Amino acid sequence: MTLCQHHVPCPSAESNDRERALPRAQHPEQGWSLLCNGVLLFEDTGELLPNGQIIAPYRPAVGAA
């Protein structure tokens, strides 16, 4: 499924940099965005891919010395 029609296409949903795709719909009050590549990106950094695969949220290390 390709929603992106930019001259430089957004990364596919299967690529490692899929979060760099441009948003097509944003609902910050509900905590999610739909990206051009069909990925649902949640504010907690979790993702739902177009094929139904769930990517768990990741948390950056806080206060690493």
C-alpha atoms as a PDB file:
ATOM      1  CA  MET A   1       0.000   0.000   0.000  1.00  0.00           C
ATOM      2  CA  THR A   2       1.554   3.270  -1.093  1.00  0.00           C
ATOM      3  CA  LEU A   3      -0.137   6.491  -0.060  1.00  0.00           C
ATOM      4  CA  CYS A   4       2.914   8.674  -0.658  1.00  0.00           C
ATOM      5  CA  GLN A   5       2.978  10.631  -3.897  1.00  0.00           C
ATOM      6  CA  HIS A   6       5.916  12.948  -3.152  1.00  0.00           C
ATOM      7  CA  HIS A   7       8.662  13.464  -5.725  1.00  0.00           C
ATOM      8  CA  VAL A   8      11.091  11.908  -3.263  1.00  0.00           C
ATOM      9  CA  PRO A   9       9.024   9.019  -1.856  1.00  0.00           C
ATOM     10  CA  CYS A  10       8.763   8.497   1.870  1.00  0.00           C
ATOM     11  CA  PRO A  11      10.405   5.387   3.355  1.00  0.00           C
ATOM     12  CA  SER A  12       8.296   2.250   3.055  1.00  0.00           C
ATOM     13  CA  ALA A  13       6.529   0.725   6.047  1.00  0.00           C
ATOM     14  CA  GLU A  14       9.055  -2.140   5.958  1.00  0.00           C
ATOM     15  CA  SER A  15      12.159   0.059   6.126  1.00  0.00           C
ATOM     16  CA  ASN A  16      14.030   0.833   9.343  1.00  0.00           C
ATOM     17  CA  ASP A  17      13.466   4.576   8.909  1.00  0.00           C
ATOM     18  CA  ARG A  18       9.686   4.273   8.355  1.00  0.00           C
ATOM     19  CA  GLU A  19       8.994   6.951  11.015  1.00  0.00           C
ATOM     20  CA  ARG A  20      10.502   9.586   8.699  1.00  0.00           C
ATOM     21  CA  ALA A  21       7.483   9.374   6.378  1.00  0.00           C
ATOM     22  CA  LEU A  22       5.328  12.483   6.246  1.00  0.00           C
ATOM     23  CA  PRO A  23       2.049  12.547   8.181  1.00  0.00           C
ATOM     24  CA  ARG A  24      -1.195  12.363   6.190  1.00  0.00           C
ATOM     25  CA  ALA A  25      -3.469  12.703   9.218  1.00  0.00           C
ATOM     26  CA  GLN A  26      -2.662  13.806  12.756  1.00  0.00           C
ATOM     27  CA  HIS A  27      -4.824  13.493  15.847  1.00  0.00           C
ATOM     28  CA  PRO A  28      -2.678  14.635  18.797  1.00  0.00           C
ATOM     29  CA  GLU A  29      -5.755  14.730  21.042  1.00  0.00           C
ATOM     30  CA  GLN A  30      -6.023  10.965  20.478  1.00  0.00           C
ATOM     31  CA  GLY A  31      -2.259  10.373  20.429  1.00  0.00           C
ATOM     32  CA  TRP A  32      -1.696   9.087  16.880  1.00  0.00           C
ATOM     33  CA  SER A  33      -0.654  10.036  13.350  1.00  0.00           C
ATOM     34  CA  LEU A  34      -1.138   8.231  10.041  1.00  0.00           C
ATOM     35  CA  LEU A  35       2.010   8.420   7.918  1.00  0.00           C
ATOM     36  CA  CYS A  36       2.210   8.385   4.100  1.00  0.00           C
ATOM     37  CA  ASN A  37       3.505   4.823   4.154  1.00  0.00           C
ATOM     38  CA  GLY A  38       0.413   3.561   5.999  1.00  0.00           C
ATOM     39  CA  VAL A  39       2.061   3.328   9.424  1.00  0.00           C
ATOM     40  CA  LEU A  40       0.047   4.403  12.465  1.00  0.00           C
ATOM     41  CA  LEU A  41       2.503   6.144  14.781  1.00  0.00           C
ATOM     42  CA  PHE A  42       1.455   6.572  18.409  1.00  0.00           C
ATOM     43  CA  GLU A  43       2.743   9.282  20.749  1.00  0.00           C
ATOM     44  CA  ASP A  44       4.273   6.648  23.040  1.00  0.00           C
ATOM     45  CA  THR A  45       6.484   5.668  20.031  1.00  0.00           C
ATOM     46  CA  GLY A  46       4.559   2.456  19.360  1.00  0.00           C
ATOM     47  CA  GLU A  47       3.610   1.669  15.770  1.00  0.00           C
ATOM     48  CA  LEU A  48       1.043  -0.354  13.867  1.00  0.00           C
ATOM     49  CA  LEU A  49       2.225  -1.360  10.399  1.00  0.00           C
ATOM     50  CA  PRO A  50      -0.163  -1.779   7.447  1.00  0.00           C
ATOM     51  CA  ASN A  51       0.293  -5.577   7.575  1.00  0.00           C
ATOM     52  CA  GLY A  52      -0.959  -5.639  11.197  1.00  0.00           C
ATOM     53  CA  GLN A  53       2.470  -6.029  12.791  1.00  0.00           C
ATOM     54  CA  ILE A  54       2.844  -4.205  16.105  1.00  0.00           C
ATOM     55  CA  ILE A  55       6.076  -2.401  16.946  1.00  0.00           C
ATOM     56  CA  ALA A  56       6.372  -1.969  20.711  1.00  0.00           C
ATOM     57  CA  PRO A  57       7.136   1.494  22.119  1.00  0.00           C
ATOM     58  CA  TYR A  58      10.774   2.191  22.821  1.00  0.00           C
ATOM     59  CA  ARG A  59      12.053   4.352  25.605  1.00  0.00           C
ATOM     60  CA  PRO A  60      15.328   6.277  25.320  1.00  0.00           C
ATOM     61  CA  ALA A  61      17.747   5.979  28.232  1.00  0.00           C
ATOM     62  CA  VAL A  62      17.126   8.811  30.684  1.00  0.00           C
ATOM     63  CA  GLY A  63      19.965  10.319  32.656  1.00  0.00           C
ATOM     64  CA  ALA A  64      22.653   8.094  31.153  1.00  0.00           C
ATOM     65  CA  ALA A  65      26.029   9.207  32.412  1.00  0.00           C
END
